[in-house]
Structures are given as C-alpha cells and as structure tokens.
C-alpha cells in the first residue's frame, strides 16, 4: 500500500464509519415500527451496548466500497451495511458468553452479559440478527425486490449452519478434536471469513453487477476474511489487552487450533502477505477504481488491534 493509498483509506474508513454509526443509532434509538407491539427498554439498551461501542466497522466499509466500485453509493448500500454490522455484533455478543469464549471485555468495555446478564445478552443477540433481516427485507432499502431477496438469501447462508454459526461450532469442537490445516482453514473461512465474503459480494448484488463480478468480489472477500483471521491470531500472540480492548493470549492458553499454533508466527506472517497479494490480484481488472478496497485488504494485515 502506497502512502497516498494509505492516507486515502485512513480518511475513507472513519467517514464511512460515521455514516454507519448514525444509521445504527437511528435503528436502535428510533420509534416502534409498523408490526411491532413494543420495544422493551432493557433489551434495546443491551443491543445499543453491544453495537454502539466503537469498532472499525470494516465489514460495512467493504459493503459500501464494493457497491461503489460498480457505481452504487447511496442509502441502500448504507442500510445493507448496517444490517451486516447488526449480524456481526450479534455474533460478538454470543461469542463472549460464558458457554463460548467467556470474555469480560469487548472493545475496552464490559461485554453485554457482564453489563446486563446472560439471558439479556442472548436475547439482544437474537434481536440484532432478526433486525438485520428486517432491514434487508424492508422496502425502505430501496432496491428491486429480487436484489433484496438475493441479499437476504446470501446473508442467511453466510451467517448460518454453513457459515458463521457452523464455524463457531467447529471452533468449539476443535478444542477437543484438533483439526489438520485444511480443517483450520475451513473453520476460519466459515467463522470469520463468511461475513467478510458476504460484505464484498453484497456490494455487487446491491449494484446489480454481472455474475462474474459478483463471484470475483466474493473471492476477494474470502481472501480478506482469511487474512483478517490470521492477523487476529498473530495479534492474540503478540498484542496486549489494552491494545486489543479484550483479553489476549487466551487462544494459545486454551490450545485453540490456529495456523499460527500449527506453523509458527514467521510462517503466518508470510502467508498473511500472500493472502493480501491474492486479494489485490483479484481486483486488478478494476484498476484505480478498486484502490480503497485494495487498501482495506492491506490494512487487515498491518492493523494493530
């Protein structure tokens, strides 16, 4: 990533994040919608705690920049990006529960089950997942019905048994039955990579891009997703809790199956750069128009939290 590309990305990411933050607040602090009976305040407070607590908003950034690559850069892409962030935040709330990763901190703040209680945390996650599909299906997400349906279907598959939830299941099983390298890659492609793949594919769907472009963006997202998880595993080994905003070293202590544990940090760093190179090459047909997406892939490898 050149200095100019880095500066452009560093300006674009917070700009997109601010727009996402505003949209999330509207969703979580707004009025009761048609068809709803009431919004329990404790539930809404827990949802806000789990969502409006900072974060890079990388996944929604990828949605919006992927859509912009094909000329779609409006309210619809913002709403789809917001829906995806709701799913991501739901997954974090549930991952932090004692039955899963048992974490007390998330982004430097008490996790939802610590700030509220376990039952409320489960319900807040459930509600965020449901809200995401509400946003995608709503006519206010001003896209042709077939595109909204395609977005709903793709997200259901990315987030469900063959994607994120299935990956979390494999991750828990890996604590008892250590997988080989192919098993680790599959686990990580599902648990972490599936939503990042969806983010990039969703942008192409929003824009009505050609099938080959949708496939190319999905492949780009897969490479970025694997790079993101590999960088996360390296940070778990090398960063401290104040830097990460959550406990570190837990994966190694628990003997979790990661590529870093399998091959070592030096191999992981080399492989990480190879994944970023692969992501960049997938975007070559789009030239300078894809500069911010390429910079996002580079950022994944060099981030420090």
C-alpha atoms as a PDB file:
ATOM      1  CA  UNK A   1       0.000   0.000   0.000  1.00  0.00           C
ATOM      2  CA  UNK A   2       1.488   3.340  -1.068  1.00  0.00           C
ATOM      3  CA  UNK A   3       1.465   6.332   1.253  1.00  0.00           C
ATOM      4  CA  UNK A   4      -1.237   8.035  -0.835  1.00  0.00           C
ATOM      5  CA  UNK A   5      -3.402   4.892  -0.774  1.00  0.00           C
ATOM      6  CA  UNK A   6      -2.948   4.612   2.978  1.00  0.00           C
ATOM      7  CA  UNK A   7      -3.939   8.250   3.501  1.00  0.00           C
ATOM      8  CA  UNK A   8      -6.999   7.838   1.273  1.00  0.00           C
ATOM      9  CA  UNK A   9      -8.062   4.734   3.198  1.00  0.00           C
ATOM     10  CA  UNK A  10      -7.443   6.376   6.579  1.00  0.00           C
ATOM     11  CA  UNK A  11      -9.748   9.207   5.505  1.00  0.00           C
ATOM     12  CA  UNK A  12     -12.419   6.952   3.984  1.00  0.00           C
ATOM     13  CA  UNK A  13     -12.755   4.409   6.814  1.00  0.00           C
ATOM     14  CA  UNK A  14     -13.805   6.871   9.563  1.00  0.00           C
ATOM     15  CA  UNK A  15     -16.053   8.715   7.106  1.00  0.00           C
ATOM     16  CA  UNK A  16     -17.917   5.510   6.302  1.00  0.00           C
ATOM     17  CA  UNK A  17     -17.882   4.508   9.980  1.00  0.00           C
ATOM     18  CA  UNK A  18     -19.525   7.794  10.982  1.00  0.00           C
ATOM     19  CA  UNK A  19     -22.341   7.235   8.484  1.00  0.00           C
ATOM     20  CA  UNK A  20     -22.809   3.680   9.758  1.00  0.00           C
ATOM     21  CA  UNK A  21     -22.845   4.904  13.366  1.00  0.00           C
ATOM     22  CA  UNK A  22     -25.604   7.391  12.565  1.00  0.00           C
ATOM     23  CA  UNK A  23     -27.682   4.731  10.813  1.00  0.00           C
ATOM     24  CA  UNK A  24     -27.206   2.265  13.678  1.00  0.00           C
ATOM     25  CA  UNK A  25     -28.374   4.874  16.189  1.00  0.00           C
ATOM     26  CA  UNK A  26     -31.478   5.522  14.118  1.00  0.00           C
ATOM     27  CA  UNK A  27     -32.236   1.800  14.114  1.00  0.00           C
ATOM     28  CA  UNK A  28     -31.619   1.270  17.824  1.00  0.00           C
ATOM     29  CA  UNK A  29     -32.957   4.515  19.248  1.00  0.00           C
ATOM     30  CA  UNK A  30     -35.834   5.046  16.837  1.00  0.00           C
ATOM     31  CA  UNK A  31     -39.549   4.603  17.143  1.00  0.00           C
ATOM     32  CA  UNK A  32     -41.507   1.364  17.194  1.00  0.00           C
ATOM     33  CA  UNK A  33     -42.011   0.120  13.630  1.00  0.00           C
ATOM     34  CA  UNK A  34     -45.227  -0.990  11.961  1.00  0.00           C
ATOM     35  CA  UNK A  35     -45.991  -4.546  13.062  1.00  0.00           C
ATOM     36  CA  UNK A  36     -44.097  -4.211  16.350  1.00  0.00           C
ATOM     37  CA  UNK A  37     -46.039  -4.070  19.631  1.00  0.00           C
ATOM     38  CA  UNK A  38     -43.401  -2.552  21.916  1.00  0.00           C
ATOM     39  CA  UNK A  39     -39.632  -2.299  22.328  1.00  0.00           C
ATOM     40  CA  UNK A  40     -38.554  -3.292  25.884  1.00  0.00           C
ATOM     41  CA  UNK A  41     -36.070  -0.662  27.039  1.00  0.00           C
ATOM     42  CA  UNK A  42     -33.705  -3.088  28.778  1.00  0.00           C
ATOM     43  CA  UNK A  43     -33.438  -5.153  25.606  1.00  0.00           C
ATOM     44  CA  UNK A  44     -32.835  -2.048  23.481  1.00  0.00           C
ATOM     45  CA  UNK A  45     -30.210  -0.803  25.959  1.00  0.00           C
ATOM     46  CA  UNK A  46     -28.377  -4.133  25.742  1.00  0.00           C
ATOM     47  CA  UNK A  47     -28.494  -4.024  21.940  1.00  0.00           C
ATOM     48  CA  UNK A  48     -27.098  -0.491  21.948  1.00  0.00           C
ATOM     49  CA  UNK A  49     -24.365  -1.542  24.382  1.00  0.00           C
ATOM     50  CA  UNK A  50     -23.331  -4.342  22.046  1.00  0.00           C
ATOM     51  CA  UNK A  51     -23.401  -2.245  18.887  1.00  0.00           C
ATOM     52  CA  UNK A  52     -22.660   1.396  19.692  1.00  0.00           C
ATOM     53  CA  UNK A  53     -19.338   0.778  21.413  1.00  0.00           C
ATOM     54  CA  UNK A  54     -16.884   1.693  18.688  1.00  0.00           C
ATOM     55  CA  UNK A  55     -15.187  -0.747  16.374  1.00  0.00           C
ATOM     56  CA  UNK A  56     -13.583  -0.286  12.982  1.00  0.00           C
ATOM     57  CA  UNK A  57     -16.813  -1.029  11.040  1.00  0.00           C
ATOM     58  CA  UNK A  58     -14.677  -2.822   8.448  1.00  0.00           C
ATOM     59  CA  UNK A  59     -17.446  -5.111   7.210  1.00  0.00           C
ATOM     60  CA  UNK A  60     -19.870  -2.260   6.434  1.00  0.00           C
ATOM     61  CA  UNK A  61     -16.987  -0.358   4.844  1.00  0.00           C
ATOM     62  CA  UNK A  62     -16.449  -3.297   2.495  1.00  0.00           C
ATOM     63  CA  UNK A  63     -20.160  -3.402   1.627  1.00  0.00           C
ATOM     64  CA  UNK A  64     -20.224   0.275   0.715  1.00  0.00           C
ATOM     65  CA  UNK A  65     -16.939   0.327  -1.184  1.00  0.00           C
ATOM     66  CA  UNK A  66     -17.819  -2.844  -3.102  1.00  0.00           C
ATOM     67  CA  UNK A  67     -21.125  -1.268  -4.131  1.00  0.00           C
ATOM     68  CA  UNK A  68     -19.363   1.987  -5.032  1.00  0.00           C
ATOM     69  CA  UNK A  69     -16.971   0.042  -7.267  1.00  0.00           C
ATOM     70  CA  UNK A  70     -19.951  -0.611  -9.547  1.00  0.00           C
ATOM     71  CA  UNK A  71     -21.466   2.852  -9.224  1.00  0.00           C
ATOM     72  CA  UNK A  72     -23.906   2.263  -6.338  1.00  0.00           C
ATOM     73  CA  UNK A  73     -23.135   4.575  -3.433  1.00  0.00           C
ATOM     74  CA  UNK A  74     -26.384   5.606  -1.779  1.00  0.00           C
ATOM     75  CA  UNK A  75     -28.846   4.942   1.022  1.00  0.00           C
ATOM     76  CA  UNK A  76     -29.427   1.322   0.011  1.00  0.00           C
ATOM     77  CA  UNK A  77     -25.776   0.349   0.442  1.00  0.00           C
ATOM     78  CA  UNK A  78     -25.716   2.143   3.812  1.00  0.00           C
ATOM     79  CA  UNK A  79     -28.736   0.168   5.021  1.00  0.00           C
ATOM     80  CA  UNK A  80     -27.305  -3.155   3.835  1.00  0.00           C
ATOM     81  CA  UNK A  81     -24.004  -2.305   5.516  1.00  0.00           C
ATOM     82  CA  UNK A  82     -25.857  -1.532   8.741  1.00  0.00           C
ATOM     83  CA  UNK A  83     -27.743  -4.828   8.588  1.00  0.00           C
ATOM     84  CA  UNK A  84     -24.466  -6.718   8.261  1.00  0.00           C
ATOM     85  CA  UNK A  85     -22.981  -4.877  11.239  1.00  0.00           C
ATOM     86  CA  UNK A  86     -26.000  -5.941  13.312  1.00  0.00           C
ATOM     87  CA  UNK A  87     -25.232  -9.578  12.469  1.00  0.00           C
ATOM     88  CA  UNK A  88     -21.552  -9.118  13.272  1.00  0.00           C
ATOM     89  CA  UNK A  89     -22.346  -7.513  16.640  1.00  0.00           C
ATOM     90  CA  UNK A  90     -24.848 -10.246  17.491  1.00  0.00           C
ATOM     91  CA  UNK A  91     -22.105 -12.805  16.862  1.00  0.00           C
ATOM     92  CA  UNK A  92     -19.726 -10.968  19.209  1.00  0.00           C
ATOM     93  CA  UNK A  93     -22.337 -10.766  21.973  1.00  0.00           C
ATOM     94  CA  UNK A  94     -22.921 -14.518  21.774  1.00  0.00           C
ATOM     95  CA  UNK A  95     -19.208 -15.361  21.362  1.00  0.00           C
ATOM     96  CA  UNK A  96     -18.437 -13.522  24.607  1.00  0.00           C
ATOM     97  CA  UNK A  97     -20.882 -15.616  26.661  1.00  0.00           C
ATOM     98  CA  UNK A  98     -19.505 -17.981  29.338  1.00  0.00           C
ATOM     99  CA  UNK A  99     -20.674 -21.001  27.319  1.00  0.00           C
ATOM    100  CA  UNK A 100     -18.482 -19.877  24.405  1.00  0.00           C
ATOM    101  CA  UNK A 101     -15.343 -17.722  24.762  1.00  0.00           C
ATOM    102  CA  UNK A 102     -16.219 -16.407  28.259  1.00  0.00           C
ATOM    103  CA  UNK A 103     -14.865 -12.874  27.777  1.00  0.00           C
ATOM    104  CA  UNK A 104     -15.415  -9.970  30.159  1.00  0.00           C
ATOM    105  CA  UNK A 105     -14.213  -7.174  27.852  1.00  0.00           C
ATOM    106  CA  UNK A 106     -15.073  -6.161  24.307  1.00  0.00           C
ATOM    107  CA  UNK A 107     -13.555  -3.004  22.775  1.00  0.00           C
ATOM    108  CA  UNK A 108     -12.419  -1.980  26.247  1.00  0.00           C
ATOM    109  CA  UNK A 109     -15.946  -2.143  27.719  1.00  0.00           C
ATOM    110  CA  UNK A 110     -17.750  -4.816  29.760  1.00  0.00           C
ATOM    111  CA  UNK A 111     -19.312  -7.419  27.492  1.00  0.00           C
ATOM    112  CA  UNK A 112     -23.106  -7.410  27.264  1.00  0.00           C
ATOM    113  CA  UNK A 113     -23.586 -10.340  29.645  1.00  0.00           C
ATOM    114  CA  UNK A 114     -21.374  -8.543  32.187  1.00  0.00           C
ATOM    115  CA  UNK A 115     -23.090  -5.167  31.801  1.00  0.00           C
ATOM    116  CA  UNK A 116     -26.557  -6.792  31.907  1.00  0.00           C
ATOM    117  CA  UNK A 117     -26.936 -10.570  32.355  1.00  0.00           C
ATOM    118  CA  UNK A 118     -26.596 -13.721  30.283  1.00  0.00           C
ATOM    119  CA  UNK A 119     -30.270 -14.039  29.365  1.00  0.00           C
ATOM    120  CA  UNK A 120     -30.439 -10.422  28.207  1.00  0.00           C
ATOM    121  CA  UNK A 121     -27.241 -10.888  26.182  1.00  0.00           C
ATOM    122  CA  UNK A 122     -28.712 -13.917  24.405  1.00  0.00           C
ATOM    123  CA  UNK A 123     -31.916 -12.027  23.627  1.00  0.00           C
ATOM    124  CA  UNK A 124     -30.013  -8.927  22.460  1.00  0.00           C
ATOM    125  CA  UNK A 125     -28.066 -11.077  20.003  1.00  0.00           C
ATOM    126  CA  UNK A 126     -31.246 -12.772  18.817  1.00  0.00           C
ATOM    127  CA  UNK A 127     -32.903  -9.397  18.284  1.00  0.00           C
ATOM    128  CA  UNK A 128     -29.950  -7.989  16.322  1.00  0.00           C
ATOM    129  CA  UNK A 129     -29.941 -10.974  13.978  1.00  0.00           C
ATOM    130  CA  UNK A 130     -33.672 -10.557  13.397  1.00  0.00           C
ATOM    131  CA  UNK A 131     -33.290  -6.804  12.907  1.00  0.00           C
ATOM    132  CA  UNK A 132     -30.741  -7.373  10.144  1.00  0.00           C
ATOM    133  CA  UNK A 133     -33.227  -9.342   8.053  1.00  0.00           C
ATOM    134  CA  UNK A 134     -35.915  -6.749   8.813  1.00  0.00           C
ATOM    135  CA  UNK A 135     -33.671  -4.062   7.305  1.00  0.00           C
ATOM    136  CA  UNK A 136     -32.843  -6.106   4.203  1.00  0.00           C
ATOM    137  CA  UNK A 137     -36.461  -7.053   3.520  1.00  0.00           C
ATOM    138  CA  UNK A 138     -37.875  -3.563   4.150  1.00  0.00           C
ATOM    139  CA  UNK A 139     -38.890  -1.562   1.076  1.00  0.00           C
ATOM    140  CA  UNK A 140     -37.036   1.359   2.693  1.00  0.00           C
ATOM    141  CA  UNK A 141     -33.905  -0.443   1.478  1.00  0.00           C
ATOM    142  CA  UNK A 142     -34.656   0.967  -1.943  1.00  0.00           C
ATOM    143  CA  UNK A 143     -33.596  -1.862  -4.237  1.00  0.00           C
ATOM    144  CA  UNK A 144     -35.555  -4.077  -6.621  1.00  0.00           C
ATOM    145  CA  UNK A 145     -37.261  -6.903  -4.729  1.00  0.00           C
ATOM    146  CA  UNK A 146     -35.108  -9.567  -6.390  1.00  0.00           C
ATOM    147  CA  UNK A 147     -31.917  -7.882  -5.172  1.00  0.00           C
ATOM    148  CA  UNK A 148     -33.259  -7.614  -1.627  1.00  0.00           C
ATOM    149  CA  UNK A 149     -34.199 -11.300  -1.789  1.00  0.00           C
ATOM    150  CA  UNK A 150     -30.695 -12.166  -3.038  1.00  0.00           C
ATOM    151  CA  UNK A 151     -29.167 -10.195  -0.155  1.00  0.00           C
ATOM    152  CA  UNK A 152     -31.376 -11.991   2.376  1.00  0.00           C
ATOM    153  CA  UNK A 153     -30.516 -15.422   0.950  1.00  0.00           C
ATOM    154  CA  UNK A 154     -26.778 -14.751   0.782  1.00  0.00           C
ATOM    155  CA  UNK A 155     -26.710 -13.423   4.360  1.00  0.00           C
ATOM    156  CA  UNK A 156     -28.707 -16.375   5.700  1.00  0.00           C
ATOM    157  CA  UNK A 157     -26.150 -18.742   4.181  1.00  0.00           C
ATOM    158  CA  UNK A 158     -23.144 -16.698   5.309  1.00  0.00           C
ATOM    159  CA  UNK A 159     -24.418 -16.432   8.885  1.00  0.00           C
ATOM    160  CA  UNK A 160     -25.958 -19.884   9.343  1.00  0.00           C
ATOM    161  CA  UNK A 161     -25.013 -23.535   9.578  1.00  0.00           C
ATOM    162  CA  UNK A 162     -22.766 -23.460   6.506  1.00  0.00           C
ATOM    163  CA  UNK A 163     -21.145 -20.172   7.516  1.00  0.00           C
ATOM    164  CA  UNK A 164     -20.524 -18.271  10.728  1.00  0.00           C
ATOM    165  CA  UNK A 165     -22.586 -20.375  13.170  1.00  0.00           C
ATOM    166  CA  UNK A 166     -21.238 -23.593  11.709  1.00  0.00           C
ATOM    167  CA  UNK A 167     -17.729 -22.184  12.010  1.00  0.00           C
ATOM    168  CA  UNK A 168     -18.251 -21.363  15.678  1.00  0.00           C
ATOM    169  CA  UNK A 169     -19.420 -24.949  16.193  1.00  0.00           C
ATOM    170  CA  UNK A 170     -16.254 -26.268  14.536  1.00  0.00           C
ATOM    171  CA  UNK A 171     -14.174 -23.901  16.680  1.00  0.00           C
ATOM    172  CA  UNK A 172     -15.687 -25.324  19.869  1.00  0.00           C
ATOM    173  CA  UNK A 173     -15.196 -28.885  18.611  1.00  0.00           C
ATOM    174  CA  UNK A 174     -11.554 -28.094  17.778  1.00  0.00           C
ATOM    175  CA  UNK A 175     -10.814 -27.673  21.479  1.00  0.00           C
ATOM    176  CA  UNK A 176     -11.436 -31.424  21.860  1.00  0.00           C
ATOM    177  CA  UNK A 177     -10.510 -32.781  18.423  1.00  0.00           C
ATOM    178  CA  UNK A 178      -7.615 -30.869  16.876  1.00  0.00           C
ATOM    179  CA  UNK A 179      -8.161 -30.391  13.119  1.00  0.00           C
ATOM    180  CA  UNK A 180      -5.465 -30.521  10.460  1.00  0.00           C
ATOM    181  CA  UNK A 181      -4.509 -27.481   8.361  1.00  0.00           C
ATOM    182  CA  UNK A 182      -7.392 -27.953   5.923  1.00  0.00           C
ATOM    183  CA  UNK A 183      -9.798 -28.199   8.844  1.00  0.00           C
ATOM    184  CA  UNK A 184      -8.467 -24.988  10.397  1.00  0.00           C
ATOM    185  CA  UNK A 185      -8.794 -23.114   7.100  1.00  0.00           C
ATOM    186  CA  UNK A 186     -12.363 -24.385   6.674  1.00  0.00           C
ATOM    187  CA  UNK A 187     -13.239 -23.398  10.247  1.00  0.00           C
ATOM    188  CA  UNK A 188     -11.826 -19.895   9.799  1.00  0.00           C
ATOM    189  CA  UNK A 189     -13.402 -19.417   6.368  1.00  0.00           C
ATOM    190  CA  UNK A 190     -16.762 -20.130   7.991  1.00  0.00           C
ATOM    191  CA  UNK A 191     -16.457 -18.455  11.389  1.00  0.00           C
ATOM    192  CA  UNK A 192     -14.713 -15.248  10.304  1.00  0.00           C
ATOM    193  CA  UNK A 193     -14.491 -15.279   6.536  1.00  0.00           C
ATOM    194  CA  UNK A 194     -18.129 -15.883   5.631  1.00  0.00           C
ATOM    195  CA  UNK A 195     -19.403 -12.468   6.751  1.00  0.00           C
ATOM    196  CA  UNK A 196     -16.453 -10.663   5.154  1.00  0.00           C
ATOM    197  CA  UNK A 197     -17.067 -12.578   1.927  1.00  0.00           C
ATOM    198  CA  UNK A 198     -20.730 -11.561   2.170  1.00  0.00           C
ATOM    199  CA  UNK A 199     -19.773  -7.911   2.690  1.00  0.00           C
ATOM    200  CA  UNK A 200     -17.961  -7.805  -0.641  1.00  0.00           C
ATOM    201  CA  UNK A 201     -20.482  -9.926  -2.522  1.00  0.00           C
ATOM    202  CA  UNK A 202     -23.346  -7.805  -1.148  1.00  0.00           C
ATOM    203  CA  UNK A 203     -21.883  -4.689  -2.727  1.00  0.00           C
ATOM    204  CA  UNK A 204     -22.009  -6.360  -6.124  1.00  0.00           C
ATOM    205  CA  UNK A 205     -25.600  -7.520  -5.502  1.00  0.00           C
ATOM    206  CA  UNK A 206     -26.682  -4.001  -4.491  1.00  0.00           C
ATOM    207  CA  UNK A 207     -25.242  -2.604  -7.717  1.00  0.00           C
ATOM    208  CA  UNK A 208     -26.715  -5.316  -9.929  1.00  0.00           C
ATOM    209  CA  UNK A 209     -23.225  -6.260 -11.089  1.00  0.00           C
ATOM    210  CA  UNK A 210     -22.664  -9.078 -13.573  1.00  0.00           C
ATOM    211  CA  UNK A 211     -22.448 -12.623 -12.119  1.00  0.00           C
ATOM    212  CA  UNK A 212     -18.715 -12.848 -12.838  1.00  0.00           C
ATOM    213  CA  UNK A 213     -18.129  -9.607 -10.932  1.00  0.00           C
ATOM    214  CA  UNK A 214     -20.207 -10.852  -8.006  1.00  0.00           C
ATOM    215  CA  UNK A 215     -18.109 -14.043  -7.941  1.00  0.00           C
ATOM    216  CA  UNK A 216     -14.848 -12.085  -8.144  1.00  0.00           C
ATOM    217  CA  UNK A 217     -15.842  -9.809  -5.259  1.00  0.00           C
ATOM    218  CA  UNK A 218     -16.871 -12.835  -3.209  1.00  0.00           C
ATOM    219  CA  UNK A 219     -13.449 -14.427  -3.838  1.00  0.00           C
ATOM    220  CA  UNK A 220     -11.792 -11.166  -2.825  1.00  0.00           C
ATOM    221  CA  UNK A 221     -13.829 -11.214   0.387  1.00  0.00           C
ATOM    222  CA  UNK A 222     -12.778 -14.795   1.098  1.00  0.00           C
ATOM    223  CA  UNK A 223      -9.093 -13.874   0.828  1.00  0.00           C
ATOM    224  CA  UNK A 224      -9.580 -10.818   3.045  1.00  0.00           C
ATOM    225  CA  UNK A 225     -11.519 -12.901   5.580  1.00  0.00           C
ATOM    226  CA  UNK A 226      -8.751 -15.481   5.905  1.00  0.00           C
ATOM    227  CA  UNK A 227      -6.173 -12.685   6.166  1.00  0.00           C
ATOM    228  CA  UNK A 228      -8.243 -10.987   8.872  1.00  0.00           C
ATOM    229  CA  UNK A 229      -8.363 -14.150  10.992  1.00  0.00           C
ATOM    230  CA  UNK A 230      -4.658 -14.853  10.521  1.00  0.00           C
ATOM    231  CA  UNK A 231      -3.817 -11.293  11.593  1.00  0.00           C
ATOM    232  CA  UNK A 232      -6.141 -11.719  14.592  1.00  0.00           C
ATOM    233  CA  UNK A 233      -4.339 -14.897  15.636  1.00  0.00           C
ATOM    234  CA  UNK A 234      -0.969 -13.140  15.383  1.00  0.00           C
ATOM    235  CA  UNK A 235      -2.268 -10.241  17.470  1.00  0.00           C
ATOM    236  CA  UNK A 236      -3.571 -12.665  20.099  1.00  0.00           C
ATOM    237  CA  UNK A 237       0.015 -13.864  20.398  1.00  0.00           C
ATOM    238  CA  UNK A 238       1.823 -10.505  20.311  1.00  0.00           C
ATOM    239  CA  UNK A 239      -0.543  -7.714  21.454  1.00  0.00           C
ATOM    240  CA  UNK A 240      -1.672  -6.836  24.969  1.00  0.00           C
ATOM    241  CA  UNK A 241      -5.181  -6.385  26.347  1.00  0.00           C
ATOM    242  CA  UNK A 242      -5.025  -2.580  26.408  1.00  0.00           C
ATOM    243  CA  UNK A 243      -4.106  -2.556  22.722  1.00  0.00           C
ATOM    244  CA  UNK A 244      -6.833  -5.013  21.723  1.00  0.00           C
ATOM    245  CA  UNK A 245      -9.606  -3.899  24.088  1.00  0.00           C
ATOM    246  CA  UNK A 246     -10.099  -7.533  25.158  1.00  0.00           C
ATOM    247  CA  UNK A 247      -8.130 -10.322  26.794  1.00  0.00           C
ATOM    248  CA  UNK A 248      -5.244 -11.688  24.724  1.00  0.00           C
ATOM    249  CA  UNK A 249      -3.302 -14.936  24.851  1.00  0.00           C
ATOM    250  CA  UNK A 250      -6.456 -16.932  25.566  1.00  0.00           C
ATOM    251  CA  UNK A 251      -6.309 -18.910  22.318  1.00  0.00           C
ATOM    252  CA  UNK A 252      -2.783 -20.126  22.984  1.00  0.00           C
ATOM    253  CA  UNK A 253      -3.578 -20.873  26.635  1.00  0.00           C
ATOM    254  CA  UNK A 254      -6.632 -22.883  25.616  1.00  0.00           C
ATOM    255  CA  UNK A 255      -4.677 -24.718  22.929  1.00  0.00           C
ATOM    256  CA  UNK A 256      -7.001 -23.478  20.194  1.00  0.00           C
ATOM    257  CA  UNK A 257      -6.384 -24.713  16.683  1.00  0.00           C
ATOM    258  CA  UNK A 258      -4.930 -21.866  14.612  1.00  0.00           C
ATOM    259  CA  UNK A 259      -2.495 -21.643  11.718  1.00  0.00           C
ATOM    260  CA  UNK A 260      -0.163 -19.667  13.991  1.00  0.00           C
ATOM    261  CA  UNK A 261      -0.143 -22.517  16.510  1.00  0.00           C
ATOM    262  CA  UNK A 262       0.370 -25.057  13.734  1.00  0.00           C
ATOM    263  CA  UNK A 263       3.125 -23.332  11.729  1.00  0.00           C
ATOM    264  CA  UNK A 264       4.516 -20.517  13.888  1.00  0.00           C
ATOM    265  CA  UNK A 265       4.437 -16.730  13.648  1.00  0.00           C
ATOM    266  CA  UNK A 266       7.022 -16.334  10.870  1.00  0.00           C
ATOM    267  CA  UNK A 267       5.149 -18.688   8.535  1.00  0.00           C
ATOM    268  CA  UNK A 268       1.887 -16.953   9.428  1.00  0.00           C
ATOM    269  CA  UNK A 269       3.257 -13.500   8.555  1.00  0.00           C
ATOM    270  CA  UNK A 270       4.487 -14.759   5.186  1.00  0.00           C
ATOM    271  CA  UNK A 271       1.169 -16.464   4.452  1.00  0.00           C
ATOM    272  CA  UNK A 272      -0.703 -13.336   5.515  1.00  0.00           C
ATOM    273  CA  UNK A 273       1.124 -11.258   2.922  1.00  0.00           C
ATOM    274  CA  UNK A 274       0.368 -13.936   0.331  1.00  0.00           C
ATOM    275  CA  UNK A 275      -3.356 -13.674   1.072  1.00  0.00           C
ATOM    276  CA  UNK A 276      -3.245  -9.890   0.695  1.00  0.00           C
ATOM    277  CA  UNK A 277      -1.417 -10.277  -2.626  1.00  0.00           C
ATOM    278  CA  UNK A 278      -4.100 -12.727  -3.772  1.00  0.00           C
ATOM    279  CA  UNK A 279      -6.820 -10.235  -2.783  1.00  0.00           C
ATOM    280  CA  UNK A 280      -5.098  -7.434  -4.708  1.00  0.00           C
ATOM    281  CA  UNK A 281      -4.741  -9.582  -7.825  1.00  0.00           C
ATOM    282  CA  UNK A 282      -8.465 -10.358  -7.836  1.00  0.00           C
ATOM    283  CA  UNK A 283      -9.174  -6.620  -8.123  1.00  0.00           C
ATOM    284  CA  UNK A 284      -6.719  -5.939 -10.951  1.00  0.00           C
ATOM    285  CA  UNK A 285      -9.465  -5.810 -13.641  1.00  0.00           C
ATOM    286  CA  UNK A 286     -10.967  -2.749 -11.925  1.00  0.00           C
ATOM    287  CA  UNK A 287      -7.805  -0.633 -11.901  1.00  0.00           C
ATOM    288  CA  UNK A 288      -7.694   2.502  -9.768  1.00  0.00           C
ATOM    289  CA  UNK A 289     -11.416   2.291  -9.026  1.00  0.00           C
ATOM    290  CA  UNK A 290     -10.610  -0.542  -6.610  1.00  0.00           C
ATOM    291  CA  UNK A 291      -7.846   1.355  -4.779  1.00  0.00           C
ATOM    292  CA  UNK A 292      -9.768   1.682  -1.499  1.00  0.00           C
ATOM    293  CA  UNK A 293     -10.725  -1.991  -1.487  1.00  0.00           C
ATOM    294  CA  UNK A 294      -7.090  -2.943  -2.085  1.00  0.00           C
ATOM    295  CA  UNK A 295      -6.066  -0.629   0.746  1.00  0.00           C
ATOM    296  CA  UNK A 296      -8.630  -2.303   3.008  1.00  0.00           C
ATOM    297  CA  UNK A 297      -7.025  -5.679   2.283  1.00  0.00           C
ATOM    298  CA  UNK A 298      -3.604  -4.246   3.144  1.00  0.00           C
ATOM    299  CA  UNK A 299      -4.983  -2.678   6.335  1.00  0.00           C
ATOM    300  CA  UNK A 300      -6.184  -6.075   7.536  1.00  0.00           C
ATOM    301  CA  UNK A 301      -2.579  -7.304   7.548  1.00  0.00           C
ATOM    302  CA  UNK A 302      -0.968  -4.301   9.268  1.00  0.00           C
ATOM    303  CA  UNK A 303      -3.626  -3.343  11.843  1.00  0.00           C
ATOM    304  CA  UNK A 304      -2.609  -3.365  15.495  1.00  0.00           C
ATOM    305  CA  UNK A 305      -5.977  -4.108  17.106  1.00  0.00           C
END
